[in-house]
Amino acid sequence: MKPKVVTICGSMKFKNEMQQIARAIEMEKGFAVIQCVYGTYDKIPKEKEFEILDKLHRAKIDISDAIYVVNIGGYIGDSTRSEIEYAKKHGKEVIFHEDNN
């Protein structure tokens, strides 16, 4: 059986948690995870960099079966909300880490 491919979505304030969650859902659920965390963020991306990262993140969603939303404490920021809407519009499953939505 082909593993479900999921793209992790969530606020970069949860970058450490997203890395841990990605590993856990690979091991526990057998998901093939596409991460959006690149080590540490020491600086806020410039507008042009943000536009590039946003476009590439949507491409990751396009090739995924689902997105996995890291919504710790129920927090979902504007960018993540936009990614959820994009995923829904393109027929992708949306899985929430915390079931409080």
PDB file of N, CA and C in Angstrom:
ATOM      1  N   MET A   1       0.845  -1.183   0.000  1.00  0.00           N
ATOM      2  CA  MET A   1       0.000   0.000   0.000  1.00  0.00           C
ATOM      3  C   MET A   1       0.888   1.244   0.000  1.00  0.00           C
ATOM      4  N   LYS A   2       0.567   2.177  -0.861  1.00  0.00           N
ATOM      5  CA  LYS A   2       1.327   3.424  -0.980  1.00  0.00           C
ATOM      6  C   LYS A   2       1.092   4.295   0.260  1.00  0.00           C
ATOM      7  N   PRO A   3       2.168   4.834   0.843  1.00  0.00           N
ATOM      8  CA  PRO A   3       1.974   5.707   2.010  1.00  0.00           C
ATOM      9  C   PRO A   3       1.306   7.017   1.610  1.00  0.00           C
ATOM     10  N   LYS A   4       0.565   7.585   2.547  1.00  0.00           N
ATOM     11  CA  LYS A   4      -0.049   8.894   2.335  1.00  0.00           C
ATOM     12  C   LYS A   4       1.054   9.944   2.413  1.00  0.00           C
ATOM     13  N   VAL A   5       1.122  10.814   1.406  1.00  0.00           N
ATOM     14  CA  VAL A   5       2.087  11.911   1.390  1.00  0.00           C
ATOM     15  C   VAL A   5       1.408  13.143   1.990  1.00  0.00           C
ATOM     16  N   VAL A   6       2.036  13.699   3.027  1.00  0.00           N
ATOM     17  CA  VAL A   6       1.472  14.873   3.686  1.00  0.00           C
ATOM     18  C   VAL A   6       2.504  15.982   3.768  1.00  0.00           C
ATOM     19  N   THR A   7       2.030  17.204   3.618  1.00  0.00           N
ATOM     20  CA  THR A   7       2.864  18.384   3.821  1.00  0.00           C
ATOM     21  C   THR A   7       2.509  18.977   5.169  1.00  0.00           C
ATOM     22  N   ILE A   8       3.534  19.227   5.973  1.00  0.00           N
ATOM     23  CA  ILE A   8       3.333  19.857   7.278  1.00  0.00           C
ATOM     24  C   ILE A   8       3.057  21.344   7.068  1.00  0.00           C
ATOM     25  N   CYS A   9       2.019  21.851   7.736  1.00  0.00           N
ATOM     26  CA  CYS A   9       1.681  23.269   7.704  1.00  0.00           C
ATOM     27  C   CYS A   9       1.543  23.758   9.141  1.00  0.00           C
ATOM     28  N   GLY A  10       2.025  24.956   9.400  1.00  0.00           N
ATOM     29  CA  GLY A  10       1.886  25.527  10.731  1.00  0.00           C
ATOM     30  C   GLY A  10       2.787  26.725  10.895  1.00  0.00           C
ATOM     31  N   SER A  11       2.592  27.403  11.983  1.00  0.00           N
ATOM     32  CA  SER A  11       3.370  28.589  12.295  1.00  0.00           C
ATOM     33  C   SER A  11       4.818  28.214  12.588  1.00  0.00           C
ATOM     34  N   MET A  12       5.738  29.030  12.093  1.00  0.00           N
ATOM     35  CA  MET A  12       7.159  28.791  12.359  1.00  0.00           C
ATOM     36  C   MET A  12       7.492  28.951  13.838  1.00  0.00           C
ATOM     37  N   LYS A  13       6.566  29.499  14.614  1.00  0.00           N
ATOM     38  CA  LYS A  13       6.819  29.540  16.060  1.00  0.00           C
ATOM     39  C   LYS A  13       6.785  28.130  16.645  1.00  0.00           C
ATOM     40  N   PHE A  14       6.252  27.174  15.869  1.00  0.00           N
ATOM     41  CA  PHE A  14       6.230  25.773  16.272  1.00  0.00           C
ATOM     42  C   PHE A  14       7.247  24.936  15.487  1.00  0.00           C
ATOM     43  N   LYS A  15       8.312  25.578  14.978  1.00  0.00           N
ATOM     44  CA  LYS A  15       9.250  24.860  14.105  1.00  0.00           C
ATOM     45  C   LYS A  15       9.851  23.632  14.767  1.00  0.00           C
ATOM     46  N   ASN A  16      10.227  23.742  16.032  1.00  0.00           N
ATOM     47  CA  ASN A  16      10.802  22.580  16.722  1.00  0.00           C
ATOM     48  C   ASN A  16       9.768  21.466  16.876  1.00  0.00           C
ATOM     49  N   GLU A  17       8.565  21.844  17.255  1.00  0.00           N
ATOM     50  CA  GLU A  17       7.495  20.866  17.411  1.00  0.00           C
ATOM     51  C   GLU A  17       7.144  20.210  16.069  1.00  0.00           C
ATOM     52  N   MET A  18       7.165  21.002  14.990  1.00  0.00           N
ATOM     53  CA  MET A  18       6.829  20.455  13.675  1.00  0.00           C
ATOM     54  C   MET A  18       7.831  19.395  13.255  1.00  0.00           C
ATOM     55  N   GLN A  19       9.103  19.609  13.562  1.00  0.00           N
ATOM     56  CA  GLN A  19      10.110  18.607  13.228  1.00  0.00           C
ATOM     57  C   GLN A  19       9.872  17.321  14.012  1.00  0.00           C
ATOM     58  N   GLN A  20       9.548  17.450  15.293  1.00  0.00           N
ATOM     59  CA  GLN A  20       9.283  16.277  16.126  1.00  0.00           C
ATOM     60  C   GLN A  20       8.005  15.564  15.677  1.00  0.00           C
ATOM     61  N   ILE A  21       6.990  16.335  15.355  1.00  0.00           N
ATOM     62  CA  ILE A  21       5.715  15.764  14.909  1.00  0.00           C
ATOM     63  C   ILE A  21       5.891  15.053  13.575  1.00  0.00           C
ATOM     64  N   ALA A  22       6.669  15.650  12.668  1.00  0.00           N
ATOM     65  CA  ALA A  22       6.907  15.026  11.362  1.00  0.00           C
ATOM     66  C   ALA A  22       7.510  13.639  11.543  1.00  0.00           C
ATOM     67  N   ARG A  23       8.509  13.542  12.384  1.00  0.00           N
ATOM     68  CA  ARG A  23       9.138  12.236  12.636  1.00  0.00           C
ATOM     69  C   ARG A  23       8.143  11.268  13.265  1.00  0.00           C
ATOM     70  N   ALA A  24       7.377  11.746  14.220  1.00  0.00           N
ATOM     71  CA  ALA A  24       6.413  10.879  14.905  1.00  0.00           C
ATOM     72  C   ALA A  24       5.355  10.339  13.949  1.00  0.00           C
ATOM     73  N   ILE A  25       4.806  11.192  13.085  1.00  0.00           N
ATOM     74  CA  ILE A  25       3.745  10.688  12.200  1.00  0.00           C
ATOM     75  C   ILE A  25       4.304   9.800  11.092  1.00  0.00           C
ATOM     76  N   GLU A  26       5.582   9.974  10.770  1.00  0.00           N
ATOM     77  CA  GLU A  26       6.208   9.024   9.838  1.00  0.00           C
ATOM     78  C   GLU A  26       6.316   7.650  10.499  1.00  0.00           C
ATOM     79  N   MET A  27       6.779   7.621  11.728  1.00  0.00           N
ATOM     80  CA  MET A  27       6.988   6.361  12.438  1.00  0.00           C
ATOM     81  C   MET A  27       5.666   5.713  12.863  1.00  0.00           C
ATOM     82  N   GLU A  28       4.733   6.518  13.364  1.00  0.00           N
ATOM     83  CA  GLU A  28       3.506   5.985  13.950  1.00  0.00           C
ATOM     84  C   GLU A  28       2.382   5.770  12.937  1.00  0.00           C
ATOM     85  N   LYS A  29       2.300   6.638  11.951  1.00  0.00           N
ATOM     86  CA  LYS A  29       1.201   6.549  10.982  1.00  0.00           C
ATOM     87  C   LYS A  29       1.660   6.088   9.606  1.00  0.00           C
ATOM     88  N   GLY A  30       2.966   6.056   9.384  1.00  0.00           N
ATOM     89  CA  GLY A  30       3.490   5.641   8.088  1.00  0.00           C
ATOM     90  C   GLY A  30       3.320   6.674   6.993  1.00  0.00           C
ATOM     91  N   PHE A  31       3.114   7.944   7.384  1.00  0.00           N
ATOM     92  CA  PHE A  31       2.999   9.013   6.394  1.00  0.00           C
ATOM     93  C   PHE A  31       4.379   9.326   5.815  1.00  0.00           C
ATOM     94  N   ALA A  32       4.412   9.705   4.555  1.00  0.00           N
ATOM     95  CA  ALA A  32       5.614  10.267   3.935  1.00  0.00           C
ATOM     96  C   ALA A  32       5.480  11.778   4.064  1.00  0.00           C
ATOM     97  N   VAL A  33       6.300  12.380   4.900  1.00  0.00           N
ATOM     98  CA  VAL A  33       6.123  13.780   5.274  1.00  0.00           C
ATOM     99  C   VAL A  33       7.036  14.699   4.474  1.00  0.00           C
ATOM    100  N   ILE A  34       6.434  15.752   3.906  1.00  0.00           N
ATOM    101  CA  ILE A  34       7.180  16.843   3.288  1.00  0.00           C
ATOM    102  C   ILE A  34       7.200  17.967   4.312  1.00  0.00           C
ATOM    103  N   GLN A  35       8.383  18.294   4.796  1.00  0.00           N
ATOM    104  CA  GLN A  35       8.499  19.321   5.827  1.00  0.00           C
ATOM    105  C   GLN A  35       8.676  20.705   5.220  1.00  0.00           C
ATOM    106  N   CYS A  36       8.362  21.707   6.014  1.00  0.00           N
ATOM    107  CA  CYS A  36       8.543  23.091   5.576  1.00  0.00           C
ATOM    108  C   CYS A  36       9.480  23.838   6.511  1.00  0.00           C
ATOM    109  N   VAL A  37      10.197  23.098   7.346  1.00  0.00           N
ATOM    110  CA  VAL A  37      11.120  23.708   8.296  1.00  0.00           C
ATOM    111  C   VAL A  37      12.532  23.419   7.822  1.00  0.00           C
ATOM    112  N   TYR A  38      13.308  24.450   7.665  1.00  0.00           N
ATOM    113  CA  TYR A  38      14.672  24.324   7.168  1.00  0.00           C
ATOM    114  C   TYR A  38      15.646  24.727   8.266  1.00  0.00           C
ATOM    115  N   GLY A  39      15.902  23.839   9.201  1.00  0.00           N
ATOM    116  CA  GLY A  39      16.807  24.159  10.301  1.00  0.00           C
ATOM    117  C   GLY A  39      16.220  25.247  11.175  1.00  0.00           C
ATOM    118  N   THR A  40      16.998  26.268  11.424  1.00  0.00           N
ATOM    119  CA  THR A  40      16.512  27.361  12.272  1.00  0.00           C
ATOM    120  C   THR A  40      16.309  28.613  11.434  1.00  0.00           C
ATOM    121  N   TYR A  41      15.405  29.412  11.883  1.00  0.00           N
ATOM    122  CA  TYR A  41      15.154  30.702  11.241  1.00  0.00           C
ATOM    123  C   TYR A  41      15.737  31.771  12.143  1.00  0.00           C
ATOM    124  N   ASP A  42      16.887  32.301  11.755  1.00  0.00           N
ATOM    125  CA  ASP A  42      17.518  33.352  12.536  1.00  0.00           C
ATOM    126  C   ASP A  42      17.030  34.732  12.112  1.00  0.00           C
ATOM    127  N   LYS A  43      16.407  34.770  10.941  1.00  0.00           N
ATOM    128  CA  LYS A  43      15.927  36.055  10.447  1.00  0.00           C
ATOM    129  C   LYS A  43      14.584  35.843   9.762  1.00  0.00           C
ATOM    130  N   ILE A  44      13.821  36.879   9.741  1.00  0.00           N
ATOM    131  CA  ILE A  44      12.532  36.837   9.055  1.00  0.00           C
ATOM    132  C   ILE A  44      12.796  36.953   7.563  1.00  0.00           C
ATOM    133  N   PRO A  45      12.177  36.065   6.749  1.00  0.00           N
ATOM    134  CA  PRO A  45      12.412  36.157   5.296  1.00  0.00           C
ATOM    135  C   PRO A  45      11.981  37.510   4.746  1.00  0.00           C
ATOM    136  N   LYS A  46      12.739  38.009   3.781  1.00  0.00           N
ATOM    137  CA  LYS A  46      12.361  39.225   3.082  1.00  0.00           C
ATOM    138  C   LYS A  46      11.107  38.942   2.274  1.00  0.00           C
ATOM    139  N   GLU A  47      10.425  40.007   1.853  1.00  0.00           N
ATOM    140  CA  GLU A  47       9.164  39.836   1.131  1.00  0.00           C
ATOM    141  C   GLU A  47       9.325  38.919  -0.080  1.00  0.00           C
ATOM    142  N   LYS A  48      10.360  39.121  -0.868  1.00  0.00           N
ATOM    143  CA  LYS A  48      10.589  38.307  -2.065  1.00  0.00           C
ATOM    144  C   LYS A  48      10.848  36.845  -1.673  1.00  0.00           C
ATOM    145  N   GLU A  49      11.642  36.644  -0.626  1.00  0.00           N
ATOM    146  CA  GLU A  49      11.903  35.280  -0.148  1.00  0.00           C
ATOM    147  C   GLU A  49      10.617  34.621   0.328  1.00  0.00           C
ATOM    148  N   PHE A  50       9.784  35.381   1.040  1.00  0.00           N
ATOM    149  CA  PHE A  50       8.513  34.851   1.517  1.00  0.00           C
ATOM    150  C   PHE A  50       7.632  34.437   0.343  1.00  0.00           C
ATOM    151  N   GLU A  51       7.598  35.249  -0.704  1.00  0.00           N
ATOM    152  CA  GLU A  51       6.799  34.920  -1.895  1.00  0.00           C
ATOM    153  C   GLU A  51       7.285  33.624  -2.533  1.00  0.00           C
ATOM    154  N   ILE A  52       8.600  33.451  -2.616  1.00  0.00           N
ATOM    155  CA  ILE A  52       9.167  32.230  -3.193  1.00  0.00           C
ATOM    156  C   ILE A  52       8.815  31.026  -2.328  1.00  0.00           C
ATOM    157  N   LEU A  53       9.019  31.155  -1.009  1.00  0.00           N
ATOM    158  CA  LEU A  53       8.707  30.047  -0.098  1.00  0.00           C
ATOM    159  C   LEU A  53       7.229  29.683  -0.134  1.00  0.00           C
ATOM    160  N   ASP A  54       6.363  30.704  -0.223  1.00  0.00           N
ATOM    161  CA  ASP A  54       4.922  30.458  -0.290  1.00  0.00           C
ATOM    162  C   ASP A  54       4.561  29.690  -1.562  1.00  0.00           C
ATOM    163  N   LYS A  55       5.122  30.089  -2.683  1.00  0.00           N
ATOM    164  CA  LYS A  55       4.865  29.409  -3.958  1.00  0.00           C
ATOM    165  C   LYS A  55       5.347  27.959  -3.898  1.00  0.00           C
ATOM    166  N   LEU A  56       6.532  27.752  -3.356  1.00  0.00           N
ATOM    167  CA  LEU A  56       7.076  26.399  -3.252  1.00  0.00           C
ATOM    168  C   LEU A  56       6.272  25.544  -2.270  1.00  0.00           C
ATOM    169  N   HIS A  57       5.795  26.158  -1.201  1.00  0.00           N
ATOM    170  CA  HIS A  57       4.986  25.419  -0.228  1.00  0.00           C
ATOM    171  C   HIS A  57       3.676  24.953  -0.875  1.00  0.00           C
ATOM    172  N   ARG A  58       3.085  25.791  -1.695  1.00  0.00           N
ATOM    173  CA  ARG A  58       1.857  25.394  -2.399  1.00  0.00           C
ATOM    174  C   ARG A  58       2.132  24.269  -3.398  1.00  0.00           C
ATOM    175  N   ALA A  59       3.321  24.279  -4.008  1.00  0.00           N
ATOM    176  CA  ALA A  59       3.699  23.174  -4.899  1.00  0.00           C
ATOM    177  C   ALA A  59       3.815  21.879  -4.109  1.00  0.00           C
ATOM    178  N   LYS A  60       4.325  21.968  -2.882  1.00  0.00           N
ATOM    179  CA  LYS A  60       4.391  20.785  -2.020  1.00  0.00           C
ATOM    180  C   LYS A  60       2.988  20.269  -1.704  1.00  0.00           C
ATOM    181  N   ILE A  61       2.070  21.180  -1.447  1.00  0.00           N
ATOM    182  CA  ILE A  61       0.678  20.788  -1.199  1.00  0.00           C
ATOM    183  C   ILE A  61       0.112  20.113  -2.441  1.00  0.00           C
ATOM    184  N   ASP A  62       0.420  20.644  -3.613  1.00  0.00           N
ATOM    185  CA  ASP A  62      -0.087  20.074  -4.869  1.00  0.00           C
ATOM    186  C   ASP A  62       0.314  18.609  -5.038  1.00  0.00           C
ATOM    187  N   ILE A  63       1.525  18.246  -4.627  1.00  0.00           N
ATOM    188  CA  ILE A  63       1.979  16.866  -4.828  1.00  0.00           C
ATOM    189  C   ILE A  63       1.646  15.962  -3.642  1.00  0.00           C
ATOM    190  N   SER A  64       0.998  16.515  -2.631  1.00  0.00           N
ATOM    191  CA  SER A  64       0.628  15.755  -1.438  1.00  0.00           C
ATOM    192  C   SER A  64      -0.795  15.225  -1.543  1.00  0.00           C
ATOM    193  N   ASP A  65      -1.053  14.193  -0.762  1.00  0.00           N
ATOM    194  CA  ASP A  65      -2.418  13.681  -0.622  1.00  0.00           C
ATOM    195  C   ASP A  65      -3.194  14.502   0.394  1.00  0.00           C
ATOM    196  N   ALA A  66      -2.460  15.094   1.347  1.00  0.00           N
ATOM    197  CA  ALA A  66      -3.090  15.807   2.456  1.00  0.00           C
ATOM    198  C   ALA A  66      -2.112  16.822   3.028  1.00  0.00           C
ATOM    199  N   ILE A  67      -2.655  17.720   3.862  1.00  0.00           N
ATOM    200  CA  ILE A  67      -1.798  18.563   4.685  1.00  0.00           C
ATOM    201  C   ILE A  67      -2.029  18.169   6.136  1.00  0.00           C
ATOM    202  N   TYR A  68      -0.988  18.310   6.932  1.00  0.00           N
ATOM    203  CA  TYR A  68      -1.047  18.015   8.351  1.00  0.00           C
ATOM    204  C   TYR A  68      -0.795  19.325   9.073  1.00  0.00           C
ATOM    205  N   VAL A  69      -1.847  19.867   9.693  1.00  0.00           N
ATOM    206  CA  VAL A  69      -1.800  21.191  10.312  1.00  0.00           C
ATOM    207  C   VAL A  69      -1.372  21.063  11.773  1.00  0.00           C
ATOM    208  N   VAL A  70      -0.240  21.674  12.095  1.00  0.00           N
ATOM    209  CA  VAL A  70       0.230  21.714  13.474  1.00  0.00           C
ATOM    210  C   VAL A  70      -0.409  22.938  14.123  1.00  0.00           C
ATOM    211  N   ASN A  71      -1.433  22.680  14.910  1.00  0.00           N
ATOM    212  CA  ASN A  71      -2.253  23.742  15.504  1.00  0.00           C
ATOM    213  C   ASN A  71      -2.191  23.661  17.032  1.00  0.00           C
ATOM    214  N   ILE A  72      -1.012  23.764  17.565  1.00  0.00           N
ATOM    215  CA  ILE A  72      -0.797  23.628  19.003  1.00  0.00           C
ATOM    216  C   ILE A  72      -1.571  24.706  19.757  1.00  0.00           C
ATOM    217  N   GLY A  73      -2.331  24.269  20.745  1.00  0.00           N
ATOM    218  CA  GLY A  73      -3.163  25.196  21.509  1.00  0.00           C
ATOM    219  C   GLY A  73      -4.255  25.830  20.670  1.00  0.00           C
ATOM    220  N   GLY A  74      -4.557  25.231  19.517  1.00  0.00           N
ATOM    221  CA  GLY A  74      -5.584  25.752  18.630  1.00  0.00           C
ATOM    222  C   GLY A  74      -5.109  26.887  17.739  1.00  0.00           C
ATOM    223  N   TYR A  75      -3.822  27.252  17.827  1.00  0.00           N
ATOM    224  CA  TYR A  75      -3.324  28.397  17.061  1.00  0.00           C
ATOM    225  C   TYR A  75      -3.159  28.053  15.585  1.00  0.00           C
ATOM    226  N   ILE A  76      -3.789  28.872  14.750  1.00  0.00           N
ATOM    227  CA  ILE A  76      -3.619  28.805  13.298  1.00  0.00           C
ATOM    228  C   ILE A  76      -3.473  30.242  12.807  1.00  0.00           C
ATOM    229  N   GLY A  77      -2.301  30.561  12.272  1.00  0.00           N
ATOM    230  CA  GLY A  77      -2.038  31.911  11.777  1.00  0.00           C
ATOM    231  C   GLY A  77      -2.609  32.125  10.388  1.00  0.00           C
ATOM    232  N   ASP A  78      -2.491  33.343   9.908  1.00  0.00           N
ATOM    233  CA  ASP A  78      -3.050  33.716   8.610  1.00  0.00           C
ATOM    234  C   ASP A  78      -2.469  32.897   7.453  1.00  0.00           C
ATOM    235  N   SER A  79      -1.150  32.695   7.454  1.00  0.00           N
ATOM    236  CA  SER A  79      -0.529  31.920   6.369  1.00  0.00           C
ATOM    237  C   SER A  79      -1.043  30.482   6.365  1.00  0.00           C
ATOM    238  N   THR A  80      -1.132  29.898   7.542  1.00  0.00           N
ATOM    239  CA  THR A  80      -1.622  28.521   7.633  1.00  0.00           C
ATOM    240  C   THR A  80      -3.087  28.443   7.226  1.00  0.00           C
ATOM    241  N   ARG A  81      -3.882  29.428   7.614  1.00  0.00           N
ATOM    242  CA  ARG A  81      -5.297  29.455   7.175  1.00  0.00           C
ATOM    243  C   ARG A  81      -5.384  29.479   5.651  1.00  0.00           C
ATOM    244  N   SER A  82      -4.516  30.271   5.047  1.00  0.00           N
ATOM    245  CA  SER A  82      -4.477  30.360   3.589  1.00  0.00           C
ATOM    246  C   SER A  82      -4.094  29.009   2.977  1.00  0.00           C
ATOM    247  N   GLU A  83      -3.151  28.320   3.593  1.00  0.00           N
ATOM    248  CA  GLU A  83      -2.734  27.000   3.104  1.00  0.00           C
ATOM    249  C   GLU A  83      -3.863  25.981   3.245  1.00  0.00           C
ATOM    250  N   ILE A  84      -4.626  26.072   4.335  1.00  0.00           N
ATOM    251  CA  ILE A  84      -5.777  25.177   4.527  1.00  0.00           C
ATOM    252  C   ILE A  84      -6.797  25.402   3.422  1.00  0.00           C
ATOM    253  N   GLU A  85      -7.105  26.655   3.156  1.00  0.00           N
ATOM    254  CA  GLU A  85      -8.069  26.969   2.094  1.00  0.00           C
ATOM    255  C   GLU A  85      -7.565  26.495   0.734  1.00  0.00           C
ATOM    256  N   TYR A  86      -6.291  26.694   0.476  1.00  0.00           N
ATOM    257  CA  TYR A  86      -5.689  26.234  -0.779  1.00  0.00           C
ATOM    258  C   TYR A  86      -5.822  24.718  -0.903  1.00  0.00           C
ATOM    259  N   ALA A  87      -5.494  24.013   0.169  1.00  0.00           N
ATOM    260  CA  ALA A  87      -5.578  22.552   0.151  1.00  0.00           C
ATOM    261  C   ALA A  87      -7.019  22.090  -0.099  1.00  0.00           C
ATOM    262  N   LYS A  88      -7.963  22.685   0.604  1.00  0.00           N
ATOM    263  CA  LYS A  88      -9.381  22.314   0.424  1.00  0.00           C
ATOM    264  C   LYS A  88      -9.828  22.577  -1.010  1.00  0.00           C
ATOM    265  N   LYS A  89      -9.454  23.726  -1.540  1.00  0.00           N
ATOM    266  CA  LYS A  89      -9.829  24.110  -2.908  1.00  0.00           C
ATOM    267  C   LYS A  89      -9.305  23.102  -3.924  1.00  0.00           C
ATOM    268  N   HIS A  90      -8.165  22.481  -3.612  1.00  0.00           N
ATOM    269  CA  HIS A  90      -7.551  21.524  -4.525  1.00  0.00           C
ATOM    270  C   HIS A  90      -7.829  20.068  -4.140  1.00  0.00           C
ATOM    271  N   GLY A  91      -8.838  19.867  -3.306  1.00  0.00           N
ATOM    272  CA  GLY A  91      -9.306  18.521  -2.982  1.00  0.00           C
ATOM    273  C   GLY A  91      -8.386  17.717  -2.083  1.00  0.00           C
ATOM    274  N   LYS A  92      -7.556  18.393  -1.289  1.00  0.00           N
ATOM    275  CA  LYS A  92      -6.636  17.702  -0.396  1.00  0.00           C
ATOM    276  C   LYS A  92      -7.284  17.490   0.969  1.00  0.00           C
ATOM    277  N   GLU A  93      -6.983  16.374   1.576  1.00  0.00           N
ATOM    278  CA  GLU A  93      -7.438  16.118   2.940  1.00  0.00           C
ATOM    279  C   GLU A  93      -6.705  17.061   3.882  1.00  0.00           C
ATOM    280  N   VAL A  94      -7.396  17.530   4.915  1.00  0.00           N
ATOM    281  CA  VAL A  94      -6.789  18.389   5.928  1.00  0.00           C
ATOM    282  C   VAL A  94      -6.856  17.650   7.259  1.00  0.00           C
ATOM    283  N   ILE A  95      -5.690  17.375   7.830  1.00  0.00           N
ATOM    284  CA  ILE A  95      -5.595  16.656   9.093  1.00  0.00           C
ATOM    285  C   ILE A  95      -5.047  17.627  10.123  1.00  0.00           C
ATOM    286  N   PHE A  96      -5.725  17.747  11.272  1.00  0.00           N
ATOM    287  CA  PHE A  96      -5.284  18.638  12.316  1.00  0.00           C
ATOM    288  C   PHE A  96      -4.564  17.848  13.405  1.00  0.00           C
ATOM    289  N   HIS A  97      -3.462  18.383  13.880  1.00  0.00           N
ATOM    290  CA  HIS A  97      -2.710  17.746  14.966  1.00  0.00           C
ATOM    291  C   HIS A  97      -3.557  17.679  16.222  1.00  0.00           C
ATOM    292  N   GLU A  98      -4.160  18.812  16.573  1.00  0.00           N
ATOM    293  CA  GLU A  98      -5.047  18.871  17.744  1.00  0.00           C
ATOM    294  C   GLU A  98      -6.474  19.014  17.245  1.00  0.00           C
ATOM    295  N   ASP A  99      -7.323  18.193  17.772  1.00  0.00           N
ATOM    296  CA  ASP A  99      -8.723  18.163  17.343  1.00  0.00           C
ATOM    297  C   ASP A  99      -9.544  19.175  18.125  1.00  0.00           C
ATOM    298  N   ASN A 100      -9.232  20.455  17.925  1.00  0.00           N
ATOM    299  CA  ASN A 100      -9.974  21.496  18.638  1.00  0.00           C
ATOM    300  C   ASN A 100     -10.486  22.573  17.700  1.00  0.00           C
ATOM    301  N   ASN A 101     -10.700  22.218  16.450  1.00  0.00           N
ATOM    302  CA  ASN A 101     -11.193  23.192  15.466  1.00  0.00           C
ATOM    303  C   ASN A 101     -12.635  22.941  15.138  1.00  0.00           C
TER     304      ASN A 101
END
